[in-house]
């Protein structure tokens, strides 16, 4: 049987390749749990992953005035960056106002986002207590919690957001699957 010269060369190259080529490029090393922990800061909608700490509306207002007002305006009314307060009832209109109070489905997402990304010029620089306090302040300004409510890992997941039903979970939970089966 006659084989073209190019095919013979290709077969020779593959036949003589070292067997460890299938192990990968050999770059890097697996990350340890200890090195991964500082980066594993995700908070789930049900509150899983929330750290220890707590914050009041009053403390949140003080942090807001110091670290947030320049970008988000007085009482979250909007500045050079997004408006954080208001917009309730606008999601069914053409001119929607998507804020923490009108659009976001879970209070835990507010905490997660602030802790991960704010303040813009120095993300992840806030303490857990400052993040809980800012979350409490924004929830209060949006009329979702009372002024004397304190947010922590137990109270924050209990907050019912106005647009919680406006989202479909990408990864349904057992509870959401049960609810879908009841329909």
Protein backbone atom coordinates (compact mmCIF):
# COMPACT_ATOMS: atom_id res chain seq x y z
CA UNK A 1 0.00 0.00 0.00
CA UNK A 2 1.34 3.41 -0.98
CA UNK A 3 1.18 6.35 1.55
CA UNK A 4 1.83 9.92 0.54
CA UNK A 5 5.09 11.30 1.89
CA UNK A 6 3.34 14.06 3.95
CA UNK A 7 1.16 11.50 5.73
CA UNK A 8 4.19 9.40 6.61
CA UNK A 9 5.90 12.47 8.12
CA UNK A 10 2.82 13.39 10.17
CA UNK A 11 2.46 9.84 11.46
CA UNK A 12 6.17 9.76 12.36
CA UNK A 13 5.92 13.04 14.30
CA UNK A 14 2.93 11.83 16.34
CA UNK A 15 4.47 8.41 16.94
CA UNK A 16 7.68 9.90 18.32
CA UNK A 17 6.14 12.57 20.57
CA UNK A 18 6.91 12.11 24.25
CA UNK A 19 4.06 10.47 26.17
CA UNK A 20 3.96 13.29 28.75
CA UNK A 21 2.65 15.70 26.09
CA UNK A 22 -0.84 14.59 27.06
CA UNK A 23 -0.28 15.84 30.63
CA UNK A 24 -0.52 19.46 29.57
CA UNK A 25 1.92 22.30 29.17
CA UNK A 26 3.40 21.88 32.64
CA UNK A 27 2.80 25.53 33.52
CA UNK A 28 2.05 26.66 37.05
CA UNK A 29 1.03 24.66 40.08
CA UNK A 30 -2.38 23.91 41.57
CA UNK A 31 -3.57 26.60 43.98
CA UNK A 32 -3.84 25.68 47.64
CA UNK A 33 -7.00 26.29 49.68
CA UNK A 34 -5.00 28.78 51.78
CA UNK A 35 -4.07 30.83 48.70
CA UNK A 36 -7.58 30.57 47.26
CA UNK A 37 -9.41 31.73 50.41
CA UNK A 38 -8.78 35.50 50.00
CA UNK A 39 -10.25 35.35 46.49
CA UNK A 40 -13.23 33.15 47.39
CA UNK A 41 -15.53 36.01 48.42
CA UNK A 42 -18.73 35.18 46.54
CA UNK A 43 -22.03 35.63 48.35
CA UNK A 44 -24.99 33.52 47.31
CA UNK A 45 -28.57 34.88 47.07
CA UNK A 46 -29.51 32.90 50.19
CA UNK A 47 -26.66 34.54 52.13
CA UNK A 48 -24.20 31.67 52.03
CA UNK A 49 -20.72 33.15 52.22
CA UNK A 50 -21.65 36.26 54.19
CA UNK A 51 -18.84 37.06 56.63
CA UNK A 52 -19.09 38.03 60.30
CA UNK A 53 -19.87 41.67 61.04
CA UNK A 54 -22.80 44.06 61.14
CA UNK A 55 -23.80 47.56 60.20
CA UNK A 56 -26.51 50.09 60.94
CA UNK A 57 -28.18 52.65 58.70
CA UNK A 58 -26.57 55.46 60.72
CA UNK A 59 -23.07 53.99 60.33
CA UNK A 60 -23.78 53.41 56.63
CA UNK A 61 -24.70 57.04 56.10
CA UNK A 62 -21.37 58.11 57.61
CA UNK A 63 -19.43 55.74 55.34
CA UNK A 64 -21.50 56.84 52.34
CA UNK A 65 -20.74 60.51 52.99
CA UNK A 66 -17.04 59.76 53.23
CA UNK A 67 -16.54 57.21 50.44
CA UNK A 68 -19.53 57.18 48.05
CA UNK A 69 -21.17 60.60 47.69
CA UNK A 70 -18.65 61.92 45.14
CA UNK A 71 -19.64 59.24 42.63
CA UNK A 72 -23.27 58.49 43.52
CA UNK A 73 -24.61 61.87 44.69
CA UNK A 74 -26.55 62.97 47.74
CA UNK A 75 -28.61 60.08 49.16
CA UNK A 76 -27.78 57.93 46.12
CA UNK A 77 -29.53 60.28 43.69
CA UNK A 78 -26.83 59.85 41.07
CA UNK A 79 -23.65 61.70 40.29
CA UNK A 80 -21.13 60.96 37.65
CA UNK A 81 -21.98 57.28 38.23
CA UNK A 82 -25.17 55.29 38.74
CA UNK A 83 -28.19 56.37 40.70
CA UNK A 84 -28.66 53.99 43.63
CA UNK A 85 -31.98 55.11 45.09
CA UNK A 86 -35.46 55.39 43.58
CA UNK A 87 -36.89 53.95 40.42
CA UNK A 88 -39.54 51.79 42.07
CA UNK A 89 -42.38 51.14 39.65
CA UNK A 90 -40.41 52.05 36.53
CA UNK A 91 -39.37 48.60 35.33
CA UNK A 92 -42.48 48.19 33.19
CA UNK A 93 -41.95 51.56 31.51
CA UNK A 94 -39.82 52.33 28.50
CA UNK A 95 -37.65 54.70 30.58
CA UNK A 96 -36.64 52.30 33.36
CA UNK A 97 -34.68 53.52 36.37
CA UNK A 98 -32.62 50.54 37.49
CA UNK A 99 -31.40 51.07 41.04
CA UNK A 100 -30.59 48.97 44.08
CA UNK A 101 -34.20 49.42 45.20
CA UNK A 102 -35.99 48.90 41.92
CA UNK A 103 -33.96 46.32 40.03
CA UNK A 104 -31.64 44.22 42.18
CA UNK A 105 -33.24 40.90 43.19
CA UNK A 106 -31.33 40.05 46.39
CA UNK A 107 -29.99 42.11 49.27
CA UNK A 108 -27.00 39.77 49.46
CA UNK A 109 -26.04 40.87 45.93
CA UNK A 110 -25.73 44.46 47.16
CA UNK A 111 -23.30 43.35 49.85
CA UNK A 112 -21.38 41.17 47.39
CA UNK A 113 -21.01 43.95 44.83
CA UNK A 114 -19.99 46.65 47.32
CA UNK A 115 -17.41 44.38 48.96
CA UNK A 116 -15.98 43.22 45.65
CA UNK A 117 -15.96 46.45 43.61
CA UNK A 118 -16.30 49.57 45.75
CA UNK A 119 -15.11 52.18 46.17
CA UNK A 120 -14.23 52.40 42.49
CA UNK A 121 -10.73 53.76 43.04
CA UNK A 122 -9.89 51.26 45.82
CA UNK A 123 -12.00 48.09 45.55
CA UNK A 124 -12.04 45.57 48.40
CA UNK A 125 -10.76 48.21 50.83
CA UNK A 126 -13.92 48.39 52.98
CA UNK A 127 -14.27 46.38 56.16
CA UNK A 128 -17.13 43.89 56.47
CA UNK A 129 -18.81 46.23 58.99
CA UNK A 130 -18.58 49.13 56.51
CA UNK A 131 -20.10 46.98 53.75
CA UNK A 132 -22.95 45.84 56.01
CA UNK A 133 -23.53 49.48 57.02
CA UNK A 134 -23.54 50.74 53.41
CA UNK A 135 -25.92 47.96 52.46
CA UNK A 136 -28.23 48.92 55.35
CA UNK A 137 -28.08 52.59 54.33
CA UNK A 138 -28.97 51.85 50.69
CA UNK A 139 -31.80 49.52 51.69
CA UNK A 140 -33.17 52.19 54.02
CA UNK A 141 -32.90 54.98 51.43
CA UNK A 142 -34.86 52.76 49.04
CA UNK A 143 -37.61 52.23 51.63
CA UNK A 144 -36.90 48.52 52.00
CA UNK A 145 -35.83 48.39 55.66
CA UNK A 146 -36.46 50.60 58.69
CA UNK A 147 -33.95 53.11 60.03
CA UNK A 148 -33.24 51.07 63.16
CA UNK A 149 -32.63 47.78 61.31
CA UNK A 150 -29.13 46.32 61.51
CA UNK A 151 -27.72 44.18 58.71
CA UNK A 152 -25.58 41.11 59.38
CA UNK A 153 -25.20 37.56 58.06
CA UNK A 154 -28.55 36.55 59.56
CA UNK A 155 -30.72 39.61 58.83
CA UNK A 156 -29.48 40.48 55.33
CA UNK A 157 -30.72 37.28 53.61
CA UNK A 158 -34.15 37.85 55.19
CA UNK A 159 -34.64 41.17 53.36
CA UNK A 160 -37.25 40.89 50.62
CA UNK A 161 -36.33 42.96 47.59
CA UNK A 162 -39.10 44.49 45.44
CA UNK A 163 -37.84 42.85 42.23
CA UNK A 164 -36.95 39.43 43.63
CA UNK A 165 -39.49 37.75 41.35
CA UNK A 166 -38.13 39.60 38.28
CA UNK A 167 -35.27 37.16 37.70
CA UNK A 168 -34.95 33.53 36.68
CA UNK A 169 -32.23 31.57 38.44
CA UNK A 170 -29.56 30.26 36.08
CA UNK A 171 -29.00 27.33 38.44
CA UNK A 172 -32.34 26.47 40.03
CA UNK A 173 -32.41 25.40 43.67
CA UNK A 174 -34.48 22.52 45.00
CA UNK A 175 -36.97 25.08 46.37
CA UNK A 176 -37.31 26.91 43.04
CA UNK A 177 -37.82 23.61 41.22
CA UNK A 178 -40.60 22.66 43.66
CA UNK A 179 -42.25 26.04 43.08
CA UNK A 180 -42.06 25.58 39.30
CA UNK A 181 -43.64 22.12 39.58
CA UNK A 182 -46.57 23.62 41.51
CA UNK A 183 -47.48 25.87 38.57
